[in-house]
Each structure stands twice: as structure tokens, then as C-alpha cells.
PDB file of N, CA and C in Angstrom:
ATOM      1  N   MET A   1     -41.461 -24.294  76.418  1.00  0.00           N
ATOM      2  CA  MET A   1     -42.850 -23.657  76.536  1.00  0.00           C
ATOM      3  C   MET A   1     -43.814 -24.489  76.815  1.00  0.00           C
ATOM      4  N   GLY A   2     -44.330 -24.605  77.289  1.00  0.00           N
ATOM      5  CA  GLY A   2     -45.976 -25.314  77.665  1.00  0.00           C
ATOM      6  C   GLY A   2     -46.762 -25.314  76.483  1.00  0.00           C
ATOM      7  N   ILE A   3     -47.858 -26.514  76.446  1.00  0.00           N
ATOM      8  CA  ILE A   3     -48.703 -26.144  75.202  1.00  0.00           C
ATOM      9  C   ILE A   3     -49.783 -25.015  75.736  1.00  0.00           C
ATOM     10  N   GLY A   4     -50.264 -24.969  77.027  1.00  0.00           N
ATOM     11  CA  GLY A   4     -51.077 -23.800  77.433  1.00  0.00           C
ATOM     12  C   GLY A   4     -50.431 -22.415  77.408  1.00  0.00           C
ATOM     13  N   GLN A   5     -48.985 -22.362  76.909  1.00  0.00           N
ATOM     14  CA  GLN A   5     -48.387 -21.119  76.882  1.00  0.00           C
ATOM     15  C   GLN A   5     -48.161 -20.770  75.480  1.00  0.00           C
ATOM     16  N   SER A   6     -48.617 -21.484  74.366  1.00  0.00           N
ATOM     17  CA  SER A   6     -47.868 -21.352  73.194  1.00  0.00           C
ATOM     18  C   SER A   6     -48.307 -20.244  72.372  1.00  0.00           C
ATOM     19  N   ARG A   7     -49.656 -19.819  72.640  1.00  0.00           N
ATOM     20  CA  ARG A   7     -50.194 -18.440  71.862  1.00  0.00           C
ATOM     21  C   ARG A   7     -49.022 -17.283  71.656  1.00  0.00           C
ATOM     22  N   GLY A   8     -48.870 -17.553  70.456  1.00  0.00           N
ATOM     23  CA  GLY A   8     -47.978 -16.326  70.102  1.00  0.00           C
ATOM     24  C   GLY A   8     -46.248 -16.417  70.604  1.00  0.00           C
ATOM     25  N   GLY A   9     -46.135 -17.606  71.128  1.00  0.00           N
ATOM     26  CA  GLY A   9     -44.938 -17.727  71.282  1.00  0.00           C
ATOM     27  C   GLY A   9     -44.311 -18.797  70.407  1.00  0.00           C
ATOM     28  N   GLU A  10     -43.718 -20.093  71.326  1.00  0.00           N
ATOM     29  CA  GLU A  10     -43.065 -20.869  70.744  1.00  0.00           C
ATOM     30  C   GLU A  10     -43.542 -22.396  71.017  1.00  0.00           C
ATOM     31  N   LEU A  11     -44.045 -23.285  70.565  1.00  0.00           N
ATOM     32  CA  LEU A  11     -44.438 -24.338  70.395  1.00  0.00           C
ATOM     33  C   LEU A  11     -43.178 -25.850  70.526  1.00  0.00           C
ATOM     34  N   ALA A  12     -43.016 -26.202  71.533  1.00  0.00           N
ATOM     35  CA  ALA A  12     -41.668 -27.212  71.467  1.00  0.00           C
ATOM     36  C   ALA A  12     -42.666 -28.500  70.976  1.00  0.00           C
ATOM     37  N   VAL A  13     -42.093 -29.072  69.792  1.00  0.00           N
ATOM     38  CA  VAL A  13     -42.798 -30.591  69.237  1.00  0.00           C
ATOM     39  C   VAL A  13     -41.603 -31.545  69.409  1.00  0.00           C
ATOM     40  N   MET A  14     -41.727 -32.913  69.849  1.00  0.00           N
ATOM     41  CA  MET A  14     -41.082 -33.972  69.337  1.00  0.00           C
ATOM     42  C   MET A  14     -41.312 -34.523  68.411  1.00  0.00           C
ATOM     43  N   ALA A  15     -40.635 -35.090  67.545  1.00  0.00           N
ATOM     44  CA  ALA A  15     -40.779 -36.429  66.808  1.00  0.00           C
ATOM     45  C   ALA A  15     -40.299 -37.312  67.273  1.00  0.00           C
ATOM     46  N   GLU A  16     -40.690 -38.288  67.768  1.00  0.00           N
ATOM     47  CA  GLU A  16     -40.300 -39.561  68.338  1.00  0.00           C
ATOM     48  C   GLU A  16     -39.638 -40.644  67.426  1.00  0.00           C
ATOM     49  N   GLU A  17     -39.035 -41.490  67.549  1.00  0.00           N
ATOM     50  CA  GLU A  17     -38.259 -42.475  66.811  1.00  0.00           C
ATOM     51  C   GLU A  17     -39.466 -43.187  66.303  1.00  0.00           C
ATOM     52  N   ASP A  18     -40.181 -43.507  66.782  1.00  0.00           N
ATOM     53  CA  ASP A  18     -41.472 -44.761  66.538  1.00  0.00           C
ATOM     54  C   ASP A  18     -42.410 -43.802  65.709  1.00  0.00           C
ATOM     55  N   GLY A  19     -42.129 -42.243  65.199  1.00  0.00           N
ATOM     56  CA  GLY A  19     -43.191 -41.847  64.462  1.00  0.00           C
ATOM     57  C   GLY A  19     -44.115 -41.066  64.897  1.00  0.00           C
ATOM     58  N   THR A  20     -44.358 -41.152  66.311  1.00  0.00           N
ATOM     59  CA  THR A  20     -45.139 -40.217  66.880  1.00  0.00           C
ATOM     60  C   THR A  20     -44.698 -38.910  67.090  1.00  0.00           C
ATOM     61  N   ILE A  21     -45.964 -38.211  67.401  1.00  0.00           N
ATOM     62  CA  ILE A  21     -45.578 -36.679  67.849  1.00  0.00           C
ATOM     63  C   ILE A  21     -45.924 -36.266  69.225  1.00  0.00           C
ATOM     64  N   ALA A  22     -45.175 -35.581  69.867  1.00  0.00           N
ATOM     65  CA  ALA A  22     -45.594 -34.991  71.014  1.00  0.00           C
ATOM     66  C   ALA A  22     -45.239 -33.592  71.149  1.00  0.00           C
ATOM     67  N   VAL A  23     -45.951 -32.881  72.228  1.00  0.00           N
ATOM     68  CA  VAL A  23     -45.893 -31.287  72.052  1.00  0.00           C
ATOM     69  C   VAL A  23     -45.534 -31.465  73.745  1.00  0.00           C
ATOM     70  N   ASP A  24     -44.874 -29.847  74.119  1.00  0.00           N
ATOM     71  CA  ASP A  24     -44.421 -29.850  75.654  1.00  0.00           C
ATOM     72  C   ASP A  24     -45.456 -28.925  76.154  1.00  0.00           C
ATOM     73  N   VAL A  25     -45.891 -29.952  77.334  1.00  0.00           N
ATOM     74  CA  VAL A  25     -47.112 -29.148  77.932  1.00  0.00           C
ATOM     75  C   VAL A  25     -46.411 -28.734  79.232  1.00  0.00           C
ATOM     76  N   GLY A  26     -45.343 -28.251  79.083  1.00  0.00           N
ATOM     77  CA  GLY A  26     -44.805 -27.511  80.619  1.00  0.00           C
ATOM     78  C   GLY A  26     -43.704 -28.530  81.299  1.00  0.00           C
ATOM     79  N   SER A  27     -44.031 -29.579  81.617  1.00  0.00           N
ATOM     80  CA  SER A  27     -43.217 -30.481  82.038  1.00  0.00           C
ATOM     81  C   SER A  27     -42.744 -31.927  81.751  1.00  0.00           C
ATOM     82  N   ARG A  28     -43.384 -31.982  80.486  1.00  0.00           N
ATOM     83  CA  ARG A  28     -42.966 -33.473  79.924  1.00  0.00           C
ATOM     84  C   ARG A  28     -43.760 -32.926  78.361  1.00  0.00           C
ATOM     85  N   PHE A  29     -43.122 -33.872  77.590  1.00  0.00           N
ATOM     86  CA  PHE A  29     -43.946 -33.978  76.086  1.00  0.00           C
ATOM     87  C   PHE A  29     -45.065 -35.036  76.316  1.00  0.00           C
ATOM     88  N   VAL A  30     -46.299 -34.587  75.740  1.00  0.00           N
ATOM     89  CA  VAL A  30     -47.555 -35.338  75.738  1.00  0.00           C
ATOM     90  C   VAL A  30     -47.923 -35.923  74.193  1.00  0.00           C
ATOM     91  N   GLY A  31     -48.163 -37.118  73.843  1.00  0.00           N
ATOM     92  CA  GLY A  31     -48.423 -37.490  72.558  1.00  0.00           C
ATOM     93  C   GLY A  31     -49.592 -36.729  72.237  1.00  0.00           C
ATOM     94  N   VAL A  32     -49.947 -36.440  70.788  1.00  0.00           N
ATOM     95  CA  VAL A  32     -50.799 -35.623  70.012  1.00  0.00           C
ATOM     96  C   VAL A  32     -51.506 -36.442  68.843  1.00  0.00           C
ATOM     97  N   SER A  33     -52.910 -36.514  68.310  1.00  0.00           N
ATOM     98  CA  SER A  33     -52.864 -36.942  67.197  1.00  0.00           C
ATOM     99  C   SER A  33     -52.842 -35.773  66.306  1.00  0.00           C
ATOM    100  N   ASP A  34     -52.934 -36.382  65.201  1.00  0.00           N
ATOM    101  CA  ASP A  34     -52.775 -35.676  63.827  1.00  0.00           C
ATOM    102  C   ASP A  34     -53.639 -34.409  63.814  1.00  0.00           C
ATOM    103  N   ASP A  35     -54.986 -34.649  64.378  1.00  0.00           N
ATOM    104  CA  ASP A  35     -55.890 -33.542  64.381  1.00  0.00           C
ATOM    105  C   ASP A  35     -55.683 -32.423  65.330  1.00  0.00           C
ATOM    106  N   GLU A  36     -55.074 -33.147  66.662  1.00  0.00           N
ATOM    107  CA  GLU A  36     -54.798 -32.212  67.412  1.00  0.00           C
ATOM    108  C   GLU A  36     -53.600 -31.387  67.378  1.00  0.00           C
ATOM    109  N   LEU A  37     -52.449 -32.013  66.618  1.00  0.00           N
ATOM    110  CA  LEU A  37     -51.681 -30.979  65.856  1.00  0.00           C
ATOM    111  C   LEU A  37     -51.710 -29.765  65.090  1.00  0.00           C
ATOM    112  N   GLU A  38     -52.513 -30.344  64.047  1.00  0.00           N
ATOM    113  CA  GLU A  38     -52.958 -29.496  63.027  1.00  0.00           C
ATOM    114  C   GLU A  38     -54.073 -27.952  63.837  1.00  0.00           C
ATOM    115  N   ARG A  39     -54.916 -28.621  64.584  1.00  0.00           N
ATOM    116  CA  ARG A  39     -55.646 -27.861  65.496  1.00  0.00           C
ATOM    117  C   ARG A  39     -54.403 -26.657  66.537  1.00  0.00           C
ATOM    118  N   LEU A  40     -53.380 -27.422  67.004  1.00  0.00           N
ATOM    119  CA  LEU A  40     -52.359 -26.346  67.518  1.00  0.00           C
ATOM    120  C   LEU A  40     -51.636 -25.248  66.692  1.00  0.00           C
ATOM    121  N   LEU A  41     -51.166 -25.819  65.419  1.00  0.00           N
ATOM    122  CA  LEU A  41     -50.562 -25.084  64.532  1.00  0.00           C
ATOM    123  C   LEU A  41     -51.409 -24.214  63.872  1.00  0.00           C
ATOM    124  N   ASP A  42     -52.891 -24.499  63.895  1.00  0.00           N
ATOM    125  CA  ASP A  42     -53.683 -23.540  63.260  1.00  0.00           C
ATOM    126  C   ASP A  42     -53.588 -22.203  64.181  1.00  0.00           C
ATOM    127  N   ASN A  43     -53.836 -22.374  65.829  1.00  0.00           N
ATOM    128  CA  ASN A  43     -53.865 -21.597  66.493  1.00  0.00           C
ATOM    129  C   ASN A  43     -52.544 -20.726  66.850  1.00  0.00           C
ATOM    130  N   LEU A  44     -51.505 -21.614  66.552  1.00  0.00           N
ATOM    131  CA  LEU A  44     -50.184 -20.817  66.620  1.00  0.00           C
ATOM    132  C   LEU A  44     -49.780 -19.955  65.352  1.00  0.00           C
ATOM    133  N   ALA A  45     -50.531 -20.293  64.308  1.00  0.00           N
ATOM    134  CA  ALA A  45     -50.544 -19.317  63.149  1.00  0.00           C
ATOM    135  C   ALA A  45     -51.254 -18.219  63.124  1.00  0.00           C
ATOM    136  N   ALA A  46     -52.237 -18.392  63.809  1.00  0.00           N
ATOM    137  CA  ALA A  46     -52.982 -17.254  64.050  1.00  0.00           C
ATOM    138  C   ALA A  46     -52.501 -16.275  65.041  1.00  0.00           C
ATOM    139  N   GLU A  47     -51.729 -16.923  66.021  1.00  0.00           N
ATOM    140  CA  GLU A  47     -51.149 -16.026  66.787  1.00  0.00           C
ATOM    141  C   GLU A  47     -49.678 -15.532  66.416  1.00  0.00           C
ATOM    142  N   GLY A  48     -49.002 -15.847  65.598  1.00  0.00           N
ATOM    143  CA  GLY A  48     -47.887 -15.463  64.833  1.00  0.00           C
ATOM    144  C   GLY A  48     -46.603 -16.066  65.769  1.00  0.00           C
ATOM    145  N   GLY A  49     -47.156 -17.421  66.190  1.00  0.00           N
ATOM    146  CA  GLY A  49     -45.896 -18.092  66.793  1.00  0.00           C
ATOM    147  C   GLY A  49     -44.797 -18.948  66.063  1.00  0.00           C
ATOM    148  N   SER A  50     -44.137 -19.990  66.672  1.00  0.00           N
ATOM    149  CA  SER A  50     -43.062 -20.421  65.774  1.00  0.00           C
ATOM    150  C   SER A  50     -43.045 -21.736  66.498  1.00  0.00           C
ATOM    151  N   VAL A  51     -42.497 -22.647  65.708  1.00  0.00           N
ATOM    152  CA  VAL A  51     -42.222 -24.128  66.245  1.00  0.00           C
ATOM    153  C   VAL A  51     -40.653 -24.550  66.654  1.00  0.00           C
ATOM    154  N   ARG A  52     -40.538 -25.059  67.593  1.00  0.00           N
ATOM    155  CA  ARG A  52     -39.351 -25.550  68.036  1.00  0.00           C
ATOM    156  C   ARG A  52     -39.438 -27.034  67.922  1.00  0.00           C
ATOM    157  N   LEU A  53     -38.725 -27.747  66.869  1.00  0.00           N
ATOM    158  CA  LEU A  53     -38.759 -29.027  66.640  1.00  0.00           C
ATOM    159  C   LEU A  53     -37.633 -29.888  67.039  1.00  0.00           C
ATOM    160  N   TYR A  54     -37.722 -30.982  67.701  1.00  0.00           N
ATOM    161  CA  TYR A  54     -36.862 -31.856  68.442  1.00  0.00           C
ATOM    162  C   TYR A  54     -37.358 -33.095  67.736  1.00  0.00           C
ATOM    163  N   GLY A  55     -35.984 -34.178  67.681  1.00  0.00           N
ATOM    164  CA  GLY A  55     -35.908 -35.384  67.206  1.00  0.00           C
ATOM    165  C   GLY A  55     -36.224 -35.627  65.697  1.00  0.00           C
ATOM    166  N   GLY A  56     -36.679 -36.662  65.222  1.00  0.00           N
ATOM    167  CA  GLY A  56     -36.511 -36.837  63.674  1.00  0.00           C
ATOM    168  C   GLY A  56     -34.805 -36.843  63.643  1.00  0.00           C
ATOM    169  N   ALA A  57     -34.787 -37.105  62.425  1.00  0.00           N
ATOM    170  CA  ALA A  57     -32.892 -37.054  62.122  1.00  0.00           C
ATOM    171  C   ALA A  57     -32.990 -36.100  61.476  1.00  0.00           C
ATOM    172  N   ALA A  58     -31.742 -35.190  61.868  1.00  0.00           N
ATOM    173  CA  ALA A  58     -31.249 -33.962  61.422  1.00  0.00           C
ATOM    174  C   ALA A  58     -31.073 -33.327  59.951  1.00  0.00           C
ATOM    175  N   ARG A  59     -31.024 -34.611  59.538  1.00  0.00           N
ATOM    176  CA  ARG A  59     -30.760 -34.591  57.820  1.00  0.00           C
ATOM    177  C   ARG A  59     -31.319 -35.543  57.328  1.00  0.00           C
ATOM    178  N   PRO A  60     -31.959 -35.383  55.945  1.00  0.00           N
ATOM    179  CA  PRO A  60     -32.772 -36.244  55.219  1.00  0.00           C
ATOM    180  C   PRO A  60     -32.251 -37.625  55.093  1.00  0.00           C
ATOM    181  N   ASP A  61     -32.744 -38.714  54.745  1.00  0.00           N
ATOM    182  CA  ASP A  61     -32.033 -39.856  54.316  1.00  0.00           C
ATOM    183  C   ASP A  61     -31.593 -40.165  52.992  1.00  0.00           C
ATOM    184  N   ASP A  62     -30.613 -40.118  52.644  1.00  0.00           N
ATOM    185  CA  ASP A  62     -29.997 -39.915  51.339  1.00  0.00           C
ATOM    186  C   ASP A  62     -29.884 -41.508  50.664  1.00  0.00           C
ATOM    187  N   GLY A  63     -30.530 -42.349  51.169  1.00  0.00           N
ATOM    188  CA  GLY A  63     -30.439 -43.733  50.844  1.00  0.00           C
ATOM    189  C   GLY A  63     -29.263 -44.588  51.135  1.00  0.00           C
ATOM    190  N   ASP A  64     -28.204 -44.091  51.594  1.00  0.00           N
ATOM    191  CA  ASP A  64     -26.740 -44.839  51.639  1.00  0.00           C
ATOM    192  C   ASP A  64     -26.651 -45.331  52.901  1.00  0.00           C
ATOM    193  N   GLU A  65     -27.682 -45.002  53.867  1.00  0.00           N
ATOM    194  CA  GLU A  65     -27.855 -46.006  55.191  1.00  0.00           C
ATOM    195  C   GLU A  65     -28.714 -46.688  55.346  1.00  0.00           C
ATOM    196  N   PRO A  66     -28.827 -48.032  55.286  1.00  0.00           N
ATOM    197  CA  PRO A  66     -29.905 -48.818  55.326  1.00  0.00           C
ATOM    198  C   PRO A  66     -30.933 -48.722  56.519  1.00  0.00           C
ATOM    199  N   GLU A  67     -30.080 -48.358  57.309  1.00  0.00           N
ATOM    200  CA  GLU A  67     -31.044 -48.280  59.095  1.00  0.00           C
ATOM    201  C   GLU A  67     -31.733 -46.931  58.973  1.00  0.00           C
ATOM    202  N   ARG A  68     -31.605 -45.998  58.074  1.00  0.00           N
ATOM    203  CA  ARG A  68     -32.638 -44.745  58.194  1.00  0.00           C
ATOM    204  C   ARG A  68     -33.418 -44.459  57.033  1.00  0.00           C
ATOM    205  N   GLU A  69     -33.281 -45.730  56.217  1.00  0.00           N
ATOM    206  CA  GLU A  69     -34.368 -45.799  55.411  1.00  0.00           C
ATOM    207  C   GLU A  69     -35.828 -45.980  55.759  1.00  0.00           C
ATOM    208  N   ASN A  70     -36.699 -45.338  55.390  1.00  0.00           N
ATOM    209  CA  ASN A  70     -37.901 -45.352  55.974  1.00  0.00           C
ATOM    210  C   ASN A  70     -38.369 -44.943  57.622  1.00  0.00           C
ATOM    211  N   ASP A  71     -37.335 -44.163  58.194  1.00  0.00           N
ATOM    212  CA  ASP A  71     -37.317 -43.919  59.306  1.00  0.00           C
ATOM    213  C   ASP A  71     -38.403 -43.247  59.917  1.00  0.00           C
ATOM    214  N   PRO A  72     -39.412 -43.589  60.895  1.00  0.00           N
ATOM    215  CA  PRO A  72     -40.645 -43.037  61.128  1.00  0.00           C
ATOM    216  C   PRO A  72     -40.266 -41.850  61.665  1.00  0.00           C
ATOM    217  N   GLY A  73     -39.004 -41.452  62.416  1.00  0.00           N
ATOM    218  CA  GLY A  73     -38.912 -40.401  63.124  1.00  0.00           C
ATOM    219  C   GLY A  73     -38.680 -39.245  62.209  1.00  0.00           C
ATOM    220  N   THR A  74     -38.052 -39.560  60.956  1.00  0.00           N
ATOM    221  CA  THR A  74     -37.454 -38.501  60.015  1.00  0.00           C
ATOM    222  C   THR A  74     -38.926 -38.246  59.199  1.00  0.00           C
ATOM    223  N   GLY A  75     -40.000 -39.164  59.152  1.00  0.00           N
ATOM    224  CA  GLY A  75     -41.117 -39.003  58.513  1.00  0.00           C
ATOM    225  C   GLY A  75     -42.172 -38.002  59.080  1.00  0.00           C
ATOM    226  N   ALA A  76     -42.183 -38.069  60.567  1.00  0.00           N
ATOM    227  CA  ALA A  76     -42.938 -37.309  61.676  1.00  0.00           C
ATOM    228  C   ALA A  76     -42.342 -35.896  61.458  1.00  0.00           C
ATOM    229  N   ALA A  77     -41.077 -35.935  61.597  1.00  0.00           N
ATOM    230  CA  ALA A  77     -40.392 -34.638  61.565  1.00  0.00           C
ATOM    231  C   ALA A  77     -40.788 -33.684  60.307  1.00  0.00           C
ATOM    232  N   GLY A  78     -40.620 -34.424  59.028  1.00  0.00           N
ATOM    233  CA  GLY A  78     -40.969 -34.012  57.870  1.00  0.00           C
ATOM    234  C   GLY A  78     -42.663 -33.468  57.848  1.00  0.00           C
ATOM    235  N   TRP A  79     -43.452 -34.326  58.491  1.00  0.00           N
ATOM    236  CA  TRP A  79     -44.663 -34.133  58.405  1.00  0.00           C
ATOM    237  C   TRP A  79     -44.886 -32.721  59.367  1.00  0.00           C
ATOM    238  N   VAL A  80     -44.394 -32.599  60.523  1.00  0.00           N
ATOM    239  CA  VAL A  80     -44.502 -31.600  61.265  1.00  0.00           C
ATOM    240  C   VAL A  80     -44.252 -30.006  60.441  1.00  0.00           C
ATOM    241  N   MET A  81     -42.860 -30.321  59.708  1.00  0.00           N
ATOM    242  CA  MET A  81     -42.412 -29.141  58.871  1.00  0.00           C
ATOM    243  C   MET A  81     -43.347 -28.866  57.939  1.00  0.00           C
ATOM    244  N   ALA A  82     -44.065 -29.814  57.123  1.00  0.00           N
ATOM    245  CA  ALA A  82     -44.690 -29.406  56.136  1.00  0.00           C
ATOM    246  C   ALA A  82     -46.174 -28.759  56.450  1.00  0.00           C
ATOM    247  N   MET A  83     -46.618 -29.022  57.877  1.00  0.00           N
ATOM    248  CA  MET A  83     -47.862 -28.663  58.195  1.00  0.00           C
ATOM    249  C   MET A  83     -47.526 -27.517  58.787  1.00  0.00           C
ATOM    250  N   ALA A  84     -46.391 -27.147  59.190  1.00  0.00           N
ATOM    251  CA  ALA A  84     -46.083 -25.489  59.757  1.00  0.00           C
ATOM    252  C   ALA A  84     -45.869 -24.818  58.515  1.00  0.00           C
ATOM    253  N   ALA A  85     -45.256 -25.234  57.139  1.00  0.00           N
ATOM    254  CA  ALA A  85     -44.865 -24.426  56.448  1.00  0.00           C
ATOM    255  C   ALA A  85     -46.197 -24.208  55.622  1.00  0.00           C
ATOM    256  N   GLN A  86     -47.199 -24.987  55.530  1.00  0.00           N
ATOM    257  CA  GLN A  86     -48.508 -24.635  55.094  1.00  0.00           C
ATOM    258  C   GLN A  86     -48.912 -23.279  55.792  1.00  0.00           C
ATOM    259  N   ARG A  87     -48.699 -23.422  56.860  1.00  0.00           N
ATOM    260  CA  ARG A  87     -49.454 -22.237  57.743  1.00  0.00           C
ATOM    261  C   ARG A  87     -48.367 -20.829  57.852  1.00  0.00           C
ATOM    262  N   GLY A  88     -47.303 -20.970  57.392  1.00  0.00           N
ATOM    263  CA  GLY A  88     -46.597 -19.998  57.450  1.00  0.00           C
ATOM    264  C   GLY A  88     -45.835 -19.757  58.756  1.00  0.00           C
ATOM    265  N   ILE A  89     -45.536 -20.926  59.299  1.00  0.00           N
ATOM    266  CA  ILE A  89     -44.877 -21.024  60.787  1.00  0.00           C
ATOM    267  C   ILE A  89     -43.573 -21.230  60.425  1.00  0.00           C
ATOM    268  N   SER A  90     -42.688 -20.402  61.335  1.00  0.00           N
ATOM    269  CA  SER A  90     -41.212 -20.606  61.160  1.00  0.00           C
ATOM    270  C   SER A  90     -41.048 -21.896  62.021  1.00  0.00           C
ATOM    271  N   VAL A  91     -40.016 -22.781  61.791  1.00  0.00           N
ATOM    272  CA  VAL A  91     -39.597 -23.979  62.404  1.00  0.00           C
ATOM    273  C   VAL A  91     -38.067 -23.970  63.072  1.00  0.00           C
ATOM    274  N   THR A  92     -37.769 -23.925  63.912  1.00  0.00           N
ATOM    275  CA  THR A  92     -36.320 -24.197  64.389  1.00  0.00           C
ATOM    276  C   THR A  92     -36.070 -26.006  64.572  1.00  0.00           C
ATOM    277  N   ARG A  93     -34.970 -26.120  63.869  1.00  0.00           N
ATOM    278  CA  ARG A  93     -34.664 -27.943  64.304  1.00  0.00           C
ATOM    279  C   ARG A  93     -33.696 -27.828  65.657  1.00  0.00           C
ATOM    280  N   GLU A  94     -34.028 -28.620  66.350  1.00  0.00           N
ATOM    281  CA  GLU A  94     -33.074 -29.037  67.441  1.00  0.00           C
ATOM    282  C   GLU A  94     -32.484 -30.464  67.169  1.00  0.00           C
ATOM    283  N   ALA A  95     -31.391 -30.911  67.531  1.00  0.00           N
ATOM    284  CA  ALA A  95     -30.681 -32.191  67.551  1.00  0.00           C
ATOM    285  C   ALA A  95     -31.418 -32.655  68.870  1.00  0.00           C
TER     286      ALA A  95
END
């Protein structure tokens, strides 16, 4: 679902491997700043929407895999989930 169609629906968010966050604008994902994402989540919460989160690691870093330690994608996904939780927005994770 695109960014302009997200009110009361579902907002698709991508946590990129480099830690950047992008949202679906209909035909592609476009990077957004922290402030922009917070504004989008505020609007989504007011309309009763949800988030479909792509990217980031599907499981937390347990410290056993050195290449996953301090993974920016995992951090970005965690931040999105935390911001959504603060606003009472449900999040569905996709691989």
C-alpha cells in the first residue's frame, strides 16, 4: 500500500541493511527521515492503521554470530517496532 493510501490501512516500511528506513509510495520504497516516519506513524495511529515491516533481521542478534553484531538493519527494524508500539500500532513482520 502506498504512502498516500495508508490512512486507516497498512503502511509498508522497509528497514534497509544500512539502517535507513523507507516507505512504500505505491511503486517503490522511498527513504524517509526519522521525523517523517514519526509523523506518518502518528497519522496511522490516529486512523487505526497497521505497519507491515520488511527487512532487518527476522530474529534478534544473540551474539553468537559476529557478522550480525550491531547490525544497522536490525536496529532500524527495532526502532520502527518501538515507535509503532508507543503509538499502539500493530506490526506484521515480513522476511
